[in-house]
Amino acid sequence: MRFDVWRYRCESCGAEFDGPGFDSSFFYGTFVAYSSNLEIAIWDSCETPLWDEFSALVEADPRAGGISDYSLGDLIRGVASRCLDPDSRGAAFAFAGHCFCPYCDPPGEVHPAGSRDGDWPDPGRAVTSVRWDGLSDEDKAREVRVALDVLLGRPG
């Protein structure tokens, strides 16, 4: 996947910095995640069983009942952000549709301030799920419940 260089401005601290934007010509079921370290992970949800696994666990939670397909997709991507392996420096990837401020803690939300010429030097890597794959079914269900507690703002 090819990522363009974009200029971003952080809403929290006002910093401007270059970060990855992306060429939106990727395929259906492909999601791009960014970490606060400006690393990129690419999740082809059609090529791994992870989407189905996360989806089944999220849909089994009573708090997910009655939500739209769009909101369900957001929840599944939110769970994935918390359950898939982190970047090379231990920061979680987020499927938020944009990168995050590398200067704020927690990472501030950013907005494009303009595009730049050229390609981002990191083409991204496929998401990995080594830790998740090593969990028992019971532990996976617990991880998803905890992630939903955070995402929904209320314990299940």
C-alpha atoms as a PDB file:
ATOM      1  CA  MET A   1       0.000   0.000   0.000  1.00  0.00           C
ATOM      2  CA  ARG A   2       1.242   3.485  -0.765  1.00  0.00           C
ATOM      3  CA  PHE A   3       0.971   6.211   1.855  1.00  0.00           C
ATOM      4  CA  ASP A   4       1.336   9.887   1.014  1.00  0.00           C
ATOM      5  CA  VAL A   5       3.052  12.359   3.305  1.00  0.00           C
ATOM      6  CA  TRP A   6       0.504  14.660   4.955  1.00  0.00           C
ATOM      7  CA  ARG A   7       0.968  17.671   7.173  1.00  0.00           C
ATOM      8  CA  TYR A   8      -1.133  17.404  10.357  1.00  0.00           C
ATOM      9  CA  ARG A   9      -2.078  19.782  13.163  1.00  0.00           C
ATOM     10  CA  CYS A  10      -2.866  18.477  16.657  1.00  0.00           C
ATOM     11  CA  GLU A  11      -6.054  19.815  18.223  1.00  0.00           C
ATOM     12  CA  SER A  12      -4.651  19.339  21.747  1.00  0.00           C
ATOM     13  CA  CYS A  13      -1.161  20.839  21.656  1.00  0.00           C
ATOM     14  CA  GLY A  14      -1.129  22.715  18.336  1.00  0.00           C
ATOM     15  CA  ALA A  15       1.926  20.855  17.035  1.00  0.00           C
ATOM     16  CA  GLU A  16       2.293  20.468  13.279  1.00  0.00           C
ATOM     17  CA  PHE A  17       4.082  17.421  11.943  1.00  0.00           C
ATOM     18  CA  ASP A  18       4.385  15.200   8.898  1.00  0.00           C
ATOM     19  CA  GLY A  19       2.617  11.864   9.078  1.00  0.00           C
ATOM     20  CA  PRO A  20       1.201   9.182   6.844  1.00  0.00           C
ATOM     21  CA  GLY A  21      -1.930   9.720   4.835  1.00  0.00           C
ATOM     22  CA  PHE A  22      -3.019   6.911   2.559  1.00  0.00           C
ATOM     23  CA  ASP A  23      -4.011   6.064  -0.940  1.00  0.00           C
ATOM     24  CA  SER A  24      -7.636   5.023  -0.520  1.00  0.00           C
ATOM     25  CA  SER A  25      -7.470   2.562  -3.404  1.00  0.00           C
ATOM     26  CA  PHE A  26      -7.101  -0.358  -1.001  1.00  0.00           C
ATOM     27  CA  PHE A  27      -9.455  -3.338  -1.180  1.00  0.00           C
ATOM     28  CA  TYR A  28     -12.750  -4.042   0.596  1.00  0.00           C
ATOM     29  CA  GLY A  29     -12.147  -5.362   4.098  1.00  0.00           C
ATOM     30  CA  THR A  30      -8.736  -3.727   4.410  1.00  0.00           C
ATOM     31  CA  PHE A  31      -8.270  -1.428   7.382  1.00  0.00           C
ATOM     32  CA  VAL A  32      -5.337   0.851   8.137  1.00  0.00           C
ATOM     33  CA  ALA A  33      -4.267   1.414  11.735  1.00  0.00           C
ATOM     34  CA  TYR A  34      -1.867   4.016  13.072  1.00  0.00           C
ATOM     35  CA  SER A  35       0.077   4.129  16.317  1.00  0.00           C
ATOM     36  CA  SER A  36       1.171   7.220  18.224  1.00  0.00           C
ATOM     37  CA  ASN A  37       4.694   6.433  16.969  1.00  0.00           C
ATOM     38  CA  LEU A  38       3.464   7.005  13.383  1.00  0.00           C
ATOM     39  CA  GLU A  39       3.810   3.307  12.564  1.00  0.00           C
ATOM     40  CA  ILE A  40       1.251   1.722  10.263  1.00  0.00           C
ATOM     41  CA  ALA A  41      -0.445  -1.672  10.391  1.00  0.00           C
ATOM     42  CA  ILE A  42      -2.698  -3.048   7.679  1.00  0.00           C
ATOM     43  CA  TRP A  43      -5.472  -5.507   8.491  1.00  0.00           C
ATOM     44  CA  ASP A  44      -6.940  -7.490   5.614  1.00  0.00           C
ATOM     45  CA  SER A  45      -9.955  -8.737   7.523  1.00  0.00           C
ATOM     46  CA  CYS A  46     -10.971 -11.062   4.679  1.00  0.00           C
ATOM     47  CA  GLU A  47      -7.671 -12.965   4.835  1.00  0.00           C
ATOM     48  CA  THR A  48      -7.674 -13.901   8.531  1.00  0.00           C
ATOM     49  CA  PRO A  49     -10.311 -15.328  10.879  1.00  0.00           C
ATOM     50  CA  LEU A  50      -9.835 -12.409  13.286  1.00  0.00           C
ATOM     51  CA  TRP A  51     -12.801 -10.315  12.070  1.00  0.00           C
ATOM     52  CA  ASP A  52     -15.170 -13.259  12.488  1.00  0.00           C
ATOM     53  CA  GLU A  53     -13.701 -14.077  15.897  1.00  0.00           C
ATOM     54  CA  PHE A  54     -13.956 -10.497  17.194  1.00  0.00           C
ATOM     55  CA  SER A  55     -17.409 -10.107  15.637  1.00  0.00           C
ATOM     56  CA  ALA A  56     -18.778 -13.240  17.325  1.00  0.00           C
ATOM     57  CA  LEU A  57     -17.449 -12.156  20.727  1.00  0.00           C
ATOM     58  CA  VAL A  58     -18.749  -8.594  20.375  1.00  0.00           C
ATOM     59  CA  GLU A  59     -22.174  -9.719  19.139  1.00  0.00           C
ATOM     60  CA  ALA A  60     -22.441 -12.184  22.052  1.00  0.00           C
ATOM     61  CA  ASP A  61     -22.244  -9.265  24.498  1.00  0.00           C
ATOM     62  CA  PRO A  62     -25.737  -8.002  25.411  1.00  0.00           C
ATOM     63  CA  ARG A  63     -24.521  -4.392  25.208  1.00  0.00           C
ATOM     64  CA  ALA A  64     -24.054  -4.821  21.446  1.00  0.00           C
ATOM     65  CA  GLY A  65     -27.695  -5.762  20.921  1.00  0.00           C
ATOM     66  CA  GLY A  66     -29.695  -3.467  18.687  1.00  0.00           C
ATOM     67  CA  ILE A  67     -26.797  -1.416  17.355  1.00  0.00           C
ATOM     68  CA  SER A  68     -26.435  -0.665  13.658  1.00  0.00           C
ATOM     69  CA  ASP A  69     -24.046  -2.587  11.416  1.00  0.00           C
ATOM     70  CA  TYR A  70     -21.967   0.587  11.097  1.00  0.00           C
ATOM     71  CA  SER A  71     -21.636   0.938  14.877  1.00  0.00           C
ATOM     72  CA  LEU A  72     -20.913  -2.774  15.180  1.00  0.00           C
ATOM     73  CA  GLY A  73     -18.033  -2.358  12.721  1.00  0.00           C
ATOM     74  CA  ASP A  74     -16.684   0.526  14.818  1.00  0.00           C
ATOM     75  CA  LEU A  75     -16.846  -1.651  17.946  1.00  0.00           C
ATOM     76  CA  ILE A  76     -15.071  -4.544  16.233  1.00  0.00           C
ATOM     77  CA  ARG A  77     -12.276  -2.249  15.036  1.00  0.00           C
ATOM     78  CA  GLY A  78     -12.070  -0.753  18.537  1.00  0.00           C
ATOM     79  CA  VAL A  79     -11.746  -4.207  20.067  1.00  0.00           C
ATOM     80  CA  ALA A  80      -9.094  -5.096  17.490  1.00  0.00           C
ATOM     81  CA  SER A  81      -7.117  -1.983  18.466  1.00  0.00           C
ATOM     82  CA  ARG A  82      -6.951  -3.287  22.023  1.00  0.00           C
ATOM     83  CA  CYS A  83      -6.394  -6.980  21.256  1.00  0.00           C
ATOM     84  CA  LEU A  84      -3.977  -7.064  18.303  1.00  0.00           C
ATOM     85  CA  ASP A  85      -0.226  -6.778  18.812  1.00  0.00           C
ATOM     86  CA  PRO A  86       1.199  -3.282  19.397  1.00  0.00           C
ATOM     87  CA  ASP A  87       3.789  -1.444  17.305  1.00  0.00           C
ATOM     88  CA  SER A  88       7.556  -1.943  17.634  1.00  0.00           C
ATOM     89  CA  ARG A  89       7.679   0.344  20.702  1.00  0.00           C
ATOM     90  CA  GLY A  90       4.633  -1.089  22.484  1.00  0.00           C
ATOM     91  CA  ALA A  91       2.000   1.486  21.449  1.00  0.00           C
ATOM     92  CA  ALA A  92      -1.402   0.215  20.379  1.00  0.00           C
ATOM     93  CA  PHE A  93      -2.586   0.614  16.819  1.00  0.00           C
ATOM     94  CA  ALA A  94      -5.920   2.366  16.331  1.00  0.00           C
ATOM     95  CA  PHE A  95      -8.240   1.925  13.375  1.00  0.00           C
ATOM     96  CA  ALA A  96      -9.332   5.559  13.592  1.00  0.00           C
ATOM     97  CA  GLY A  97      -8.877   6.619   9.976  1.00  0.00           C
ATOM     98  CA  HIS A  98      -6.090   9.061  10.818  1.00  0.00           C
ATOM     99  CA  CYS A  99      -2.766   9.163  12.611  1.00  0.00           C
ATOM    100  CA  PHE A 100      -2.244  10.604  16.094  1.00  0.00           C
ATOM    101  CA  CYS A 101      -0.056  13.314  17.549  1.00  0.00           C
ATOM    102  CA  PRO A 102       3.326  11.845  18.484  1.00  0.00           C
ATOM    103  CA  TYR A 103       3.861  14.593  21.091  1.00  0.00           C
ATOM    104  CA  CYS A 104       0.732  14.270  23.268  1.00  0.00           C
ATOM    105  CA  ASP A 105       0.045  11.681  25.951  1.00  0.00           C
ATOM    106  CA  PRO A 106      -2.580  10.429  25.517  1.00  0.00           C
ATOM    107  CA  PRO A 107      -2.205  10.976  21.776  1.00  0.00           C
ATOM    108  CA  GLY A 108      -4.181  14.000  20.625  1.00  0.00           C
ATOM    109  CA  GLU A 109      -6.548  13.936  17.682  1.00  0.00           C
ATOM    110  CA  VAL A 110      -5.153  15.506  14.556  1.00  0.00           C
ATOM    111  CA  HIS A 111      -6.558  17.014  11.386  1.00  0.00           C
ATOM    112  CA  PRO A 112      -4.862  17.373   8.010  1.00  0.00           C
ATOM    113  CA  ALA A 113      -3.329  20.801   7.517  1.00  0.00           C
ATOM    114  CA  GLY A 114      -2.369  20.069   3.907  1.00  0.00           C
ATOM    115  CA  SER A 115      -0.688  17.442   1.785  1.00  0.00           C
ATOM    116  CA  ARG A 116       2.940  17.200   0.834  1.00  0.00           C
ATOM    117  CA  ASP A 117       4.608  15.656  -2.142  1.00  0.00           C
ATOM    118  CA  GLY A 118       6.175  12.259  -1.809  1.00  0.00           C
ATOM    119  CA  ASP A 119       5.584   8.909  -0.232  1.00  0.00           C
ATOM    120  CA  TRP A 120       5.677   8.087   3.469  1.00  0.00           C
ATOM    121  CA  PRO A 121       8.805   5.939   3.991  1.00  0.00           C
ATOM    122  CA  ASP A 122       6.972   3.184   5.908  1.00  0.00           C
ATOM    123  CA  PRO A 123       4.707   1.064   3.683  1.00  0.00           C
ATOM    124  CA  GLY A 124       3.145  -0.471   6.795  1.00  0.00           C
ATOM    125  CA  ARG A 125       3.092  -4.045   7.949  1.00  0.00           C
ATOM    126  CA  ALA A 126       0.389  -6.635   8.322  1.00  0.00           C
ATOM    127  CA  VAL A 127      -1.268  -6.690  11.728  1.00  0.00           C
ATOM    128  CA  THR A 128      -0.141  -9.498  13.976  1.00  0.00           C
ATOM    129  CA  SER A 129      -2.033 -11.355  16.681  1.00  0.00           C
ATOM    130  CA  VAL A 130       0.622 -13.419  18.465  1.00  0.00           C
ATOM    131  CA  ARG A 131      -0.598 -12.562  21.976  1.00  0.00           C
ATOM    132  CA  TRP A 132      -4.272 -12.998  21.025  1.00  0.00           C
ATOM    133  CA  ASP A 133      -3.598 -16.342  19.333  1.00  0.00           C
ATOM    134  CA  GLY A 134      -2.001 -17.626  22.551  1.00  0.00           C
ATOM    135  CA  LEU A 135      -5.075 -16.892  24.693  1.00  0.00           C
ATOM    136  CA  SER A 136      -7.674 -19.462  25.690  1.00  0.00           C
ATOM    137  CA  ASP A 137     -11.259 -18.958  24.512  1.00  0.00           C
ATOM    138  CA  GLU A 138     -12.180 -17.826  28.037  1.00  0.00           C
ATOM    139  CA  ASP A 139      -9.342 -15.280  28.105  1.00  0.00           C
ATOM    140  CA  LYS A 140     -10.320 -13.978  24.653  1.00  0.00           C
ATOM    141  CA  ALA A 141     -13.900 -13.440  25.820  1.00  0.00           C
ATOM    142  CA  ARG A 142     -12.589 -11.605  28.909  1.00  0.00           C
ATOM    143  CA  GLU A 143     -10.320  -9.382  26.765  1.00  0.00           C
ATOM    144  CA  VAL A 144     -13.264  -8.425  24.556  1.00  0.00           C
ATOM    145  CA  ARG A 145     -15.479  -7.666  27.588  1.00  0.00           C
ATOM    146  CA  VAL A 146     -12.774  -5.384  29.018  1.00  0.00           C
ATOM    147  CA  ALA A 147     -12.329  -3.661  25.641  1.00  0.00           C
ATOM    148  CA  LEU A 148     -16.092  -3.123  25.394  1.00  0.00           C
ATOM    149  CA  ASP A 149     -16.133  -1.686  28.940  1.00  0.00           C
ATOM    150  CA  VAL A 150     -13.700   0.984  27.735  1.00  0.00           C
ATOM    151  CA  LEU A 151     -15.321   1.545  24.339  1.00  0.00           C
ATOM    152  CA  LEU A 152     -18.870   1.745  25.652  1.00  0.00           C
ATOM    153  CA  GLY A 153     -17.971   3.553  28.866  1.00  0.00           C
ATOM    154  CA  ARG A 154     -19.838   1.112  31.063  1.00  0.00           C
ATOM    155  CA  PRO A 155     -19.046  -2.303  32.547  1.00  0.00           C
ATOM    156  CA  GLY A 156     -20.925  -5.318  31.236  1.00  0.00           C
END
